[in-house]
Amino acid sequence: MVLKLKLLRMERELTQWEISHASEISQGRYSMIERGLIEATPEERERLAQILQAPASTLFRPACRARTTNTASAGAVGSNLHQEKNGPNEEGVR
């Protein structure tokens, strides 16, 4: 499970070290917080919220990632399968 905390950090192009340094949390502890292995203290939550400019209540929720579908590739695969099954088209192209 990816926490919103990690996605916000990545969106802002910050490293774990930069966040941990700014929040005065050791990098090892921050890493464990980000991975959901340990819980942040209320003070740590507030500092992280200020750094990431996000409500503290949202930082530790599971993150929803948008799914991306490459429809062009899917269409090309479908087209190729159709051509293989039905043979060449009018121009003689498969």
Protein backbone atom coordinates (compact mmCIF):
# COMPACT_ATOMS: atom_id res chain seq x y z
CA MET A 1 0.00 0.00 0.00
CA VAL A 2 1.38 3.39 -0.97
CA LEU A 3 0.53 6.22 1.39
CA LYS A 4 -0.47 9.67 0.16
CA LEU A 5 2.64 10.89 1.99
CA LYS A 6 4.92 9.22 -0.55
CA LEU A 7 2.95 10.39 -3.57
CA LEU A 8 2.98 13.99 -2.33
CA ARG A 9 6.73 13.80 -1.77
CA MET A 10 7.28 12.41 -5.24
CA GLU A 11 4.96 14.98 -6.87
CA ARG A 12 7.06 17.72 -5.27
CA GLU A 13 10.25 16.01 -6.48
CA LEU A 14 11.69 15.79 -2.97
CA THR A 15 13.89 13.03 -1.65
CA GLN A 16 13.33 11.24 1.63
CA TRP A 17 16.49 12.89 2.91
CA GLU A 18 15.18 16.38 2.06
CA ILE A 19 11.87 15.72 3.83
CA SER A 20 13.51 14.14 6.84
CA HIS A 21 16.05 16.97 7.13
CA ALA A 22 13.37 19.68 6.89
CA SER A 23 11.10 17.89 9.38
CA GLU A 24 13.92 17.03 11.81
CA ILE A 25 13.10 13.31 11.56
CA SER A 26 15.90 10.85 10.90
CA GLN A 27 15.90 9.55 7.35
CA GLY A 28 15.53 5.96 8.57
CA ARG A 29 12.51 6.87 10.71
CA TYR A 30 10.96 8.88 7.87
CA SER A 31 11.41 5.91 5.53
CA MET A 32 9.59 3.63 7.98
CA ILE A 33 6.79 6.19 8.39
CA GLU A 34 6.42 6.54 4.63
CA ARG A 35 6.23 2.74 4.21
CA GLY A 36 3.62 2.48 6.96
CA LEU A 37 5.85 0.40 9.23
CA ILE A 38 5.56 2.85 12.13
CA GLU A 39 3.23 5.73 12.92
CA ALA A 40 4.32 9.35 13.02
CA THR A 41 3.81 11.28 16.22
CA PRO A 42 1.25 14.09 16.13
CA GLU A 43 4.14 16.60 16.02
CA GLU A 44 5.77 14.78 13.11
CA ARG A 45 2.44 14.70 11.25
CA GLU A 46 2.09 18.46 11.59
CA ARG A 47 5.66 19.14 10.44
CA LEU A 48 5.24 16.85 7.43
CA ALA A 49 1.92 18.49 6.57
CA GLN A 50 3.54 21.93 6.61
CA ILE A 51 6.46 20.80 4.45
CA LEU A 52 4.21 19.05 1.92
CA GLN A 53 1.54 21.77 2.09
CA ALA A 54 -1.25 19.27 2.64
CA PRO A 55 -3.71 18.55 5.44
CA ALA A 56 -2.19 16.23 8.05
CA SER A 57 -5.38 14.17 8.02
CA THR A 58 -4.76 13.09 4.42
CA LEU A 59 -1.06 12.20 4.56
CA PHE A 60 -1.48 8.73 5.97
CA ARG A 61 -4.38 7.50 3.87
CA PRO A 62 -3.85 4.92 1.15
CA ALA A 63 -3.10 6.70 -2.08
CA CYS A 64 -5.14 6.11 -5.19
CA ARG A 65 -3.11 6.14 -8.35
CA ALA A 66 -4.75 6.91 -11.65
CA ARG A 67 -4.60 4.01 -14.05
CA THR A 68 -3.30 4.79 -17.46
CA THR A 69 -4.29 2.74 -20.43
CA ASN A 70 -2.47 3.02 -23.68
CA THR A 71 -5.44 2.77 -26.01
CA ALA A 72 -3.30 3.28 -29.10
CA SER A 73 -1.30 0.17 -28.30
CA ALA A 74 -4.43 -1.78 -27.42
CA GLY A 75 -6.00 -0.76 -30.72
CA ALA A 76 -2.91 -1.76 -32.66
CA VAL A 77 -2.81 -5.17 -30.98
CA GLY A 78 -6.50 -5.69 -31.67
CA SER A 79 -6.04 -4.65 -35.30
CA ASN A 80 -3.11 -7.02 -35.75
CA LEU A 81 -5.09 -9.90 -34.28
CA HIS A 82 -7.99 -9.15 -36.61
CA GLN A 83 -5.69 -9.07 -39.65
CA GLU A 84 -3.98 -12.33 -38.71
CA LYS A 85 -7.33 -14.04 -38.34
CA ASN A 86 -8.92 -12.65 -41.50
CA GLY A 87 -5.94 -12.37 -43.83
CA PRO A 88 -4.78 -9.33 -45.80
CA ASN A 89 -7.07 -6.36 -46.46
CA GLU A 90 -8.00 -5.02 -49.93
CA GLU A 91 -4.54 -3.50 -50.43
CA GLY A 92 -2.91 -6.84 -49.64
CA VAL A 93 -1.64 -5.56 -46.32
CA ARG A 94 -1.93 -7.72 -43.25
